[in-house]
PDB file of N, CA and C in Angstrom:
ATOM      1  N   UNK A   1       9.008 -13.426 -11.982  1.00  0.00           N
ATOM      2  CA  UNK A   1       7.826 -12.629 -12.231  1.00  0.00           C
ATOM      3  C   UNK A   1       7.176 -12.285 -10.898  1.00  0.00           C
ATOM      4  N   UNK A   2       6.736 -11.039 -10.743  1.00  0.00           N
ATOM      5  CA  UNK A   2       6.127 -10.605  -9.494  1.00  0.00           C
ATOM      6  C   UNK A   2       4.620 -10.707  -9.577  1.00  0.00           C
ATOM      7  N   UNK A   3       4.010 -10.809  -8.393  1.00  0.00           N
ATOM      8  CA  UNK A   3       2.549 -10.856  -8.333  1.00  0.00           C
ATOM      9  C   UNK A   3       1.984  -9.457  -8.557  1.00  0.00           C
ATOM     10  N   UNK A   4       0.751  -9.376  -9.072  1.00  0.00           N
ATOM     11  CA  UNK A   4       0.128  -8.058  -9.209  1.00  0.00           C
ATOM     12  C   UNK A   4       0.033  -7.385  -7.843  1.00  0.00           C
ATOM     13  N   UNK A   5       0.198  -6.071  -7.805  1.00  0.00           N
ATOM     14  CA  UNK A   5       0.213  -5.323  -6.551  1.00  0.00           C
ATOM     15  C   UNK A   5      -1.042  -5.576  -5.719  1.00  0.00           C
ATOM     16  N   UNK A   6      -2.194  -5.700  -6.360  1.00  0.00           N
ATOM     17  CA  UNK A   6      -3.443  -5.853  -5.627  1.00  0.00           C
ATOM     18  C   UNK A   6      -3.495  -7.138  -4.808  1.00  0.00           C
ATOM     19  N   UNK A   7      -2.644  -8.113  -5.096  1.00  0.00           N
ATOM     20  CA  UNK A   7      -2.641  -9.375  -4.368  1.00  0.00           C
ATOM     21  C   UNK A   7      -1.623  -9.378  -3.233  1.00  0.00           C
ATOM     22  N   UNK A   8      -0.838  -8.330  -3.110  1.00  0.00           N
ATOM     23  CA  UNK A   8       0.195  -8.272  -2.085  1.00  0.00           C
ATOM     24  C   UNK A   8      -0.335  -7.632  -0.810  1.00  0.00           C
ATOM     25  N   UNK A   9       0.179  -8.095   0.331  1.00  0.00           N
ATOM     26  CA  UNK A   9      -0.103  -7.406   1.584  1.00  0.00           C
ATOM     27  C   UNK A   9       0.699  -6.110   1.596  1.00  0.00           C
ATOM     28  N   UNK A  10       0.399  -5.257   2.539  1.00  0.00           N
ATOM     29  CA  UNK A  10       1.143  -4.007   2.678  1.00  0.00           C
ATOM     30  C   UNK A  10       2.628  -4.299   2.873  1.00  0.00           C
ATOM     31  N   UNK A  11       2.919  -5.251   3.750  1.00  0.00           N
ATOM     32  CA  UNK A  11       4.306  -5.574   4.052  1.00  0.00           C
ATOM     33  C   UNK A  11       5.036  -6.135   2.833  1.00  0.00           C
ATOM     34  N   UNK A  12       4.376  -6.992   2.077  1.00  0.00           N
ATOM     35  CA  UNK A  12       4.989  -7.554   0.875  1.00  0.00           C
ATOM     36  C   UNK A  12       5.259  -6.459  -0.158  1.00  0.00           C
ATOM     37  N   UNK A  13       4.314  -5.545  -0.311  1.00  0.00           N
ATOM     38  CA  UNK A  13       4.479  -4.452  -1.269  1.00  0.00           C
ATOM     39  C   UNK A  13       5.644  -3.549  -0.855  1.00  0.00           C
ATOM     40  N   UNK A  14       5.767  -3.280   0.440  1.00  0.00           N
ATOM     41  CA  UNK A  14       6.865  -2.442   0.910  1.00  0.00           C
ATOM     42  C   UNK A  14       8.214  -3.133   0.706  1.00  0.00           C
ATOM     43  N   UNK A  15       8.274  -4.440   0.923  1.00  0.00           N
ATOM     44  CA  UNK A  15       9.516  -5.182   0.683  1.00  0.00           C
ATOM     45  C   UNK A  15       9.911  -5.108  -0.791  1.00  0.00           C
ATOM     46  N   UNK A  16       8.920  -5.251  -1.665  1.00  0.00           N
ATOM     47  CA  UNK A  16       9.201  -5.172  -3.105  1.00  0.00           C
ATOM     48  C   UNK A  16       9.665  -3.768  -3.479  1.00  0.00           C
ATOM     49  N   UNK A  17       9.048  -2.744  -2.904  1.00  0.00           N
ATOM     50  CA  UNK A  17       9.484  -1.369  -3.161  1.00  0.00           C
ATOM     51  C   UNK A  17      10.941  -1.178  -2.732  1.00  0.00           C
ATOM     52  N   UNK A  18      11.294  -1.698  -1.559  1.00  0.00           N
ATOM     53  CA  UNK A  18      12.683  -1.598  -1.096  1.00  0.00           C
ATOM     54  C   UNK A  18      13.644  -2.266  -2.071  1.00  0.00           C
ATOM     55  N   UNK A  19      13.257  -3.449  -2.568  1.00  0.00           N
ATOM     56  CA  UNK A  19      14.111  -4.168  -3.511  1.00  0.00           C
ATOM     57  C   UNK A  19      14.281  -3.376  -4.811  1.00  0.00           C
ATOM     58  N   UNK A  20      13.214  -2.752  -5.258  1.00  0.00           N
ATOM     59  CA  UNK A  20      13.280  -1.950  -6.489  1.00  0.00           C
ATOM     60  C   UNK A  20      14.209  -0.754  -6.288  1.00  0.00           C
ATOM     61  N   UNK A  21      14.072  -0.077  -5.160  1.00  0.00           N
ATOM     62  CA  UNK A  21      14.927   1.083  -4.879  1.00  0.00           C
ATOM     63  C   UNK A  21      16.393   0.659  -4.830  1.00  0.00           C
ATOM     64  N   UNK A  22      16.680  -0.451  -4.153  1.00  0.00           N
ATOM     65  CA  UNK A  22      18.064  -0.944  -4.086  1.00  0.00           C
ATOM     66  C   UNK A  22      18.621  -1.226  -5.482  1.00  0.00           C
ATOM     67  N   UNK A  23      17.822  -1.896  -6.310  1.00  0.00           N
ATOM     68  CA  UNK A  23      18.277  -2.229  -7.662  1.00  0.00           C
ATOM     69  C   UNK A  23      18.544  -0.968  -8.481  1.00  0.00           C
ATOM     70  N   UNK A  24      17.666   0.010  -8.353  1.00  0.00           N
ATOM     71  CA  UNK A  24      17.842   1.238  -9.137  1.00  0.00           C
ATOM     72  C   UNK A  24      19.028   2.050  -8.627  1.00  0.00           C
ATOM     73  N   UNK A  25      19.209   2.080  -7.308  1.00  0.00           N
ATOM     74  CA  UNK A  25      20.319   2.851  -6.748  1.00  0.00           C
ATOM     75  C   UNK A  25      21.663   2.196  -7.013  1.00  0.00           C
ATOM     76  N   UNK A  26      21.676   0.898  -7.227  1.00  0.00           N
ATOM     77  CA  UNK A  26      22.935   0.178  -7.444  1.00  0.00           C
ATOM     78  C   UNK A  26      23.586   0.548  -8.769  1.00  0.00           C
ATOM     79  N   UNK A  27      22.770   0.997  -9.703  1.00  0.00           N
ATOM     80  CA  UNK A  27      23.297   1.348 -11.020  1.00  0.00           C
ATOM     81  C   UNK A  27      23.616   0.142 -11.882  1.00  0.00           C
ATOM     82  N   UNK A  28      23.228  -1.033 -11.436  1.00  0.00           N
ATOM     83  CA  UNK A  28      23.546  -2.253 -12.166  1.00  0.00           C
ATOM     84  C   UNK A  28      22.477  -2.652 -13.179  1.00  0.00           C
ATOM     85  N   UNK A  29      21.398  -1.899 -13.262  1.00  0.00           N
ATOM     86  CA  UNK A  29      20.356  -2.219 -14.239  1.00  0.00           C
ATOM     87  C   UNK A  29      20.301  -1.121 -15.295  1.00  0.00           C
ATOM     88  N   UNK A  30      19.896  -1.494 -16.490  1.00  0.00           N
ATOM     89  CA  UNK A  30      19.844  -0.548 -17.595  1.00  0.00           C
ATOM     90  C   UNK A  30      18.633   0.364 -17.530  1.00  0.00           C
ATOM     91  N   UNK A  31      18.587   1.269 -18.454  1.00  0.00           N
ATOM     92  CA  UNK A  31      17.526   2.281 -18.478  1.00  0.00           C
ATOM     93  C   UNK A  31      16.152   1.661 -18.702  1.00  0.00           C
ATOM     94  N   UNK A  32      16.063   0.690 -19.608  1.00  0.00           N
ATOM     95  CA  UNK A  32      14.757   0.064 -19.876  1.00  0.00           C
ATOM     96  C   UNK A  32      14.238  -0.665 -18.645  1.00  0.00           C
ATOM     97  N   UNK A  33      15.119  -1.405 -17.972  1.00  0.00           N
ATOM     98  CA  UNK A  33      14.729  -2.112 -16.763  1.00  0.00           C
ATOM     99  C   UNK A  33      14.386  -1.123 -15.656  1.00  0.00           C
ATOM    100  N   UNK A  34      15.126  -0.033 -15.585  1.00  0.00           N
ATOM    101  CA  UNK A  34      14.840   1.002 -14.587  1.00  0.00           C
ATOM    102  C   UNK A  34      13.451   1.587 -14.790  1.00  0.00           C
ATOM    103  N   UNK A  35      13.085   1.836 -16.042  1.00  0.00           N
ATOM    104  CA  UNK A  35      11.764   2.392 -16.341  1.00  0.00           C
ATOM    105  C   UNK A  35      10.674   1.406 -15.953  1.00  0.00           C
ATOM    106  N   UNK A  36      10.880   0.132 -16.281  1.00  0.00           N
ATOM    107  CA  UNK A  36       9.889  -0.902 -15.934  1.00  0.00           C
ATOM    108  C   UNK A  36       9.743  -1.019 -14.421  1.00  0.00           C
ATOM    109  N   UNK A  37      10.858  -0.964 -13.718  1.00  0.00           N
ATOM    110  CA  UNK A  37      10.801  -1.069 -12.254  1.00  0.00           C
ATOM    111  C   UNK A  37      10.184   0.178 -11.638  1.00  0.00           C
ATOM    112  N   UNK A  38      10.448   1.334 -12.223  1.00  0.00           N
ATOM    113  CA  UNK A  38       9.827   2.566 -11.739  1.00  0.00           C
ATOM    114  C   UNK A  38       8.317   2.476 -11.883  1.00  0.00           C
ATOM    115  N   UNK A  39       7.859   1.972 -13.011  1.00  0.00           N
ATOM    116  CA  UNK A  39       6.425   1.808 -13.247  1.00  0.00           C
ATOM    117  C   UNK A  39       5.823   0.854 -12.208  1.00  0.00           C
ATOM    118  N   UNK A  40       6.498  -0.252 -11.951  1.00  0.00           N
ATOM    119  CA  UNK A  40       6.036  -1.194 -10.935  1.00  0.00           C
ATOM    120  C   UNK A  40       6.004  -0.533  -9.558  1.00  0.00           C
ATOM    121  N   UNK A  41       7.035   0.247  -9.258  1.00  0.00           N
ATOM    122  CA  UNK A  41       7.100   0.926  -7.962  1.00  0.00           C
ATOM    123  C   UNK A  41       5.939   1.898  -7.782  1.00  0.00           C
ATOM    124  N   UNK A  42       5.553   2.586  -8.832  1.00  0.00           N
ATOM    125  CA  UNK A  42       4.429   3.521  -8.734  1.00  0.00           C
ATOM    126  C   UNK A  42       3.129   2.776  -8.463  1.00  0.00           C
ATOM    127  N   UNK A  43       2.956   1.611  -9.082  1.00  0.00           N
ATOM    128  CA  UNK A  43       1.773   0.792  -8.826  1.00  0.00           C
ATOM    129  C   UNK A  43       1.767   0.284  -7.387  1.00  0.00           C
ATOM    130  N   UNK A  44       2.923  -0.142  -6.908  1.00  0.00           N
ATOM    131  CA  UNK A  44       3.030  -0.611  -5.530  1.00  0.00           C
ATOM    132  C   UNK A  44       2.749   0.512  -4.536  1.00  0.00           C
ATOM    133  N   UNK A  45       3.261   1.699  -4.817  1.00  0.00           N
ATOM    134  CA  UNK A  45       3.035   2.846  -3.931  1.00  0.00           C
ATOM    135  C   UNK A  45       1.545   3.190  -3.874  1.00  0.00           C
ATOM    136  N   UNK A  46       0.875   3.152  -5.014  1.00  0.00           N
ATOM    137  CA  UNK A  46      -0.565   3.426  -5.043  1.00  0.00           C
ATOM    138  C   UNK A  46      -1.317   2.366  -4.260  1.00  0.00           C
ATOM    139  N   UNK A  47      -0.918   1.120  -4.385  1.00  0.00           N
ATOM    140  CA  UNK A  47      -1.539   0.020  -3.646  1.00  0.00           C
ATOM    141  C   UNK A  47      -1.365   0.234  -2.140  1.00  0.00           C
ATOM    142  N   UNK A  48      -0.170   0.599  -1.714  1.00  0.00           N
ATOM    143  CA  UNK A  48       0.085   0.855  -0.292  1.00  0.00           C
ATOM    144  C   UNK A  48      -0.756   2.024   0.210  1.00  0.00           C
ATOM    145  N   UNK A  49      -0.867   3.071  -0.590  1.00  0.00           N
ATOM    146  CA  UNK A  49      -1.700   4.224  -0.214  1.00  0.00           C
ATOM    147  C   UNK A  49      -3.152   3.813  -0.022  1.00  0.00           C
ATOM    148  N   UNK A  50      -3.663   2.959  -0.896  1.00  0.00           N
ATOM    149  CA  UNK A  50      -5.045   2.483  -0.774  1.00  0.00           C
ATOM    150  C   UNK A  50      -5.236   1.701   0.516  1.00  0.00           C
ATOM    151  N   UNK A  51      -4.288   0.836   0.835  1.00  0.00           N
ATOM    152  CA  UNK A  51      -4.376   0.059   2.079  1.00  0.00           C
ATOM    153  C   UNK A  51      -4.382   0.999   3.282  1.00  0.00           C
ATOM    154  N   UNK A  52      -3.496   1.980   3.288  1.00  0.00           N
ATOM    155  CA  UNK A  52      -3.426   2.921   4.403  1.00  0.00           C
ATOM    156  C   UNK A  52      -4.687   3.778   4.497  1.00  0.00           C
ATOM    157  N   UNK A  53      -5.226   4.191   3.365  1.00  0.00           N
ATOM    158  CA  UNK A  53      -6.461   4.978   3.367  1.00  0.00           C
ATOM    159  C   UNK A  53      -7.619   4.184   3.967  1.00  0.00           C
ATOM    160  N   UNK A  54      -7.733   2.901   3.573  1.00  0.00           N
ATOM    161  CA  UNK A  54      -8.794   2.053   4.123  1.00  0.00           C
ATOM    162  C   UNK A  54      -8.616   1.864   5.630  1.00  0.00           C
ATOM    163  N   UNK A  55      -7.378   1.675   6.066  1.00  0.00           N
ATOM    164  CA  UNK A  55      -7.106   1.511   7.492  1.00  0.00           C
ATOM    165  C   UNK A  55      -7.482   2.772   8.258  1.00  0.00           C
ATOM    166  N   UNK A  56      -7.156   3.925   7.712  1.00  0.00           N
ATOM    167  CA  UNK A  56      -7.500   5.193   8.360  1.00  0.00           C
ATOM    168  C   UNK A  56      -9.015   5.355   8.465  1.00  0.00           C
ATOM    169  N   UNK A  57      -9.735   5.004   7.420  1.00  0.00           N
ATOM    170  CA  UNK A  57     -11.195   5.098   7.458  1.00  0.00           C
ATOM    171  C   UNK A  57     -11.770   4.198   8.530  1.00  0.00           C
ATOM    172  N   UNK A  58     -11.236   3.002   8.645  1.00  0.00           N
ATOM    173  CA  UNK A  58     -11.713   2.065   9.666  1.00  0.00           C
ATOM    174  C   UNK A  58     -11.448   2.607  11.063  1.00  0.00           C
ATOM    175  N   UNK A  59     -10.267   3.180  11.268  1.00  0.00           N
ATOM    176  CA  UNK A  59      -9.923   3.733  12.581  1.00  0.00           C
ATOM    177  C   UNK A  59     -10.840   4.895  12.931  1.00  0.00           C
ATOM    178  N   UNK A  60     -11.169   5.723  11.963  1.00  0.00           N
ATOM    179  CA  UNK A  60     -12.051   6.871  12.213  1.00  0.00           C
ATOM    180  C   UNK A  60     -13.462   6.435  12.605  1.00  0.00           C
ATOM    181  N   UNK A  61     -13.846   5.231  12.247  1.00  0.00           N
ATOM    182  CA  UNK A  61     -15.183   4.765  12.577  1.00  0.00           C
ATOM    183  C   UNK A  61     -15.295   4.312  14.030  1.00  0.00           C
ATOM    184  N   UNK A  62     -14.174   4.130  14.694  1.00  0.00           N
ATOM    185  CA  UNK A  62     -14.201   3.761  16.106  1.00  0.00           C
ATOM    186  C   UNK A  62     -14.285   5.053  16.898  1.00  0.00           C
ATOM    187  N   UNK A  63     -15.353   5.216  17.629  1.00  0.00           N
ATOM    188  CA  UNK A  63     -15.599   6.465  18.339  1.00  0.00           C
ATOM    189  C   UNK A  63     -16.072   6.173  19.753  1.00  0.00           C
ATOM    190  N   UNK A  64     -16.048   7.188  20.599  1.00  0.00           N
ATOM    191  CA  UNK A  64     -16.608   7.083  21.935  1.00  0.00           C
ATOM    192  C   UNK A  64     -18.046   7.559  21.897  1.00  0.00           C
ATOM    193  N   UNK A  65     -18.940   6.823  22.602  1.00  0.00           N
ATOM    194  CA  UNK A  65     -20.324   7.280  22.683  1.00  0.00           C
ATOM    195  C   UNK A  65     -20.462   8.251  23.858  1.00  0.00           C
ATOM    196  N   UNK A  66     -21.660   8.708  24.139  1.00  0.00           N
ATOM    197  CA  UNK A  66     -21.913   9.708  25.174  1.00  0.00           C
ATOM    198  C   UNK A  66     -21.449   9.246  26.554  1.00  0.00           C
ATOM    199  N   UNK A  67     -21.472   7.958  26.825  1.00  0.00           N
ATOM    200  CA  UNK A  67     -21.065   7.442  28.139  1.00  0.00           C
ATOM    201  C   UNK A  67     -19.567   7.142  28.212  1.00  0.00           C
ATOM    202  N   UNK A  68     -18.840   7.444  27.171  1.00  0.00           N
ATOM    203  CA  UNK A  68     -17.406   7.222  27.165  1.00  0.00           C
ATOM    204  C   UNK A  68     -16.991   5.823  26.753  1.00  0.00           C
ATOM    205  N   UNK A  69     -17.935   5.019  26.311  1.00  0.00           N
ATOM    206  CA  UNK A  69     -17.643   3.665  25.857  1.00  0.00           C
ATOM    207  C   UNK A  69     -17.239   3.684  24.384  1.00  0.00           C
ATOM    208  N   UNK A  70     -16.336   2.796  24.045  1.00  0.00           N
ATOM    209  CA  UNK A  70     -15.915   2.688  22.652  1.00  0.00           C
ATOM    210  C   UNK A  70     -17.046   2.078  21.850  1.00  0.00           C
ATOM    211  N   UNK A  71     -17.361   2.732  20.753  1.00  0.00           N
ATOM    212  CA  UNK A  71     -18.418   2.267  19.864  1.00  0.00           C
ATOM    213  C   UNK A  71     -17.802   2.087  18.500  1.00  0.00           C
ATOM    214  N   UNK A  72     -18.082   0.971  17.909  1.00  0.00           N
ATOM    215  CA  UNK A  72     -17.542   0.692  16.582  1.00  0.00           C
ATOM    216  C   UNK A  72     -18.689   0.574  15.601  1.00  0.00           C
ATOM    217  N   UNK A  73     -18.567   1.276  14.504  1.00  0.00           N
ATOM    218  CA  UNK A  73     -19.577   1.216  13.451  1.00  0.00           C
ATOM    219  C   UNK A  73     -19.084   0.289  12.354  1.00  0.00           C
ATOM    220  N   UNK A  74     -19.983  -0.414  11.691  1.00  0.00           N
ATOM    221  CA  UNK A  74     -19.538  -1.278  10.586  1.00  0.00           C
ATOM    222  C   UNK A  74     -18.845  -0.463   9.511  1.00  0.00           C
ATOM    223  N   UNK A  75     -17.800  -1.041   8.975  1.00  0.00           N
ATOM    224  CA  UNK A  75     -17.037  -0.382   7.916  1.00  0.00           C
ATOM    225  C   UNK A  75     -17.481  -0.899   6.569  1.00  0.00           C
ATOM    226  N   UNK A  76     -17.792   0.014   5.691  1.00  0.00           N
ATOM    227  CA  UNK A  76     -18.131  -0.341   4.317  1.00  0.00           C
ATOM    228  C   UNK A  76     -17.071   0.272   3.427  1.00  0.00           C
ATOM    229  N   UNK A  77     -16.283  -0.592   2.824  1.00  0.00           N
ATOM    230  CA  UNK A  77     -15.209  -0.117   1.951  1.00  0.00           C
ATOM    231  C   UNK A  77     -15.793   0.554   0.717  1.00  0.00           C
ATOM    232  N   UNK A  78     -15.169   1.664   0.315  1.00  0.00           N
ATOM    233  CA  UNK A  78     -15.616   2.314  -0.917  1.00  0.00           C
ATOM    234  C   UNK A  78     -15.288   1.433  -2.109  1.00  0.00           C
ATOM    235  N   UNK A  79     -16.056   1.543  -3.164  1.00  0.00           N
ATOM    236  CA  UNK A  79     -15.754   0.741  -4.355  1.00  0.00           C
ATOM    237  C   UNK A  79     -14.371   1.092  -4.879  1.00  0.00           C
ATOM    238  N   UNK A  80     -13.661   0.097  -5.426  1.00  0.00           N
ATOM    239  CA  UNK A  80     -12.291   0.349  -5.936  1.00  0.00           C
ATOM    240  C   UNK A  80     -12.273   1.277  -7.106  1.00  0.00           C
TER     241      UNK A  80
END
């Protein structure tokens, strides 16, 4: 049994996605299992997108001030 996507790190989610793709490409799993794994893969992909979106927002908050010094503003994550 796999952990819910929301509890996985980005790297763990990507590893699971790779495993799902390998299993589906191998042709060794049936249609029902393929559908279940596809559904899991879509959830994992959405989870990875959320992590990347949050990281991008955090990076955008780091800016240079008028004197050329790096200024970092507190990051407030949007509600899920």
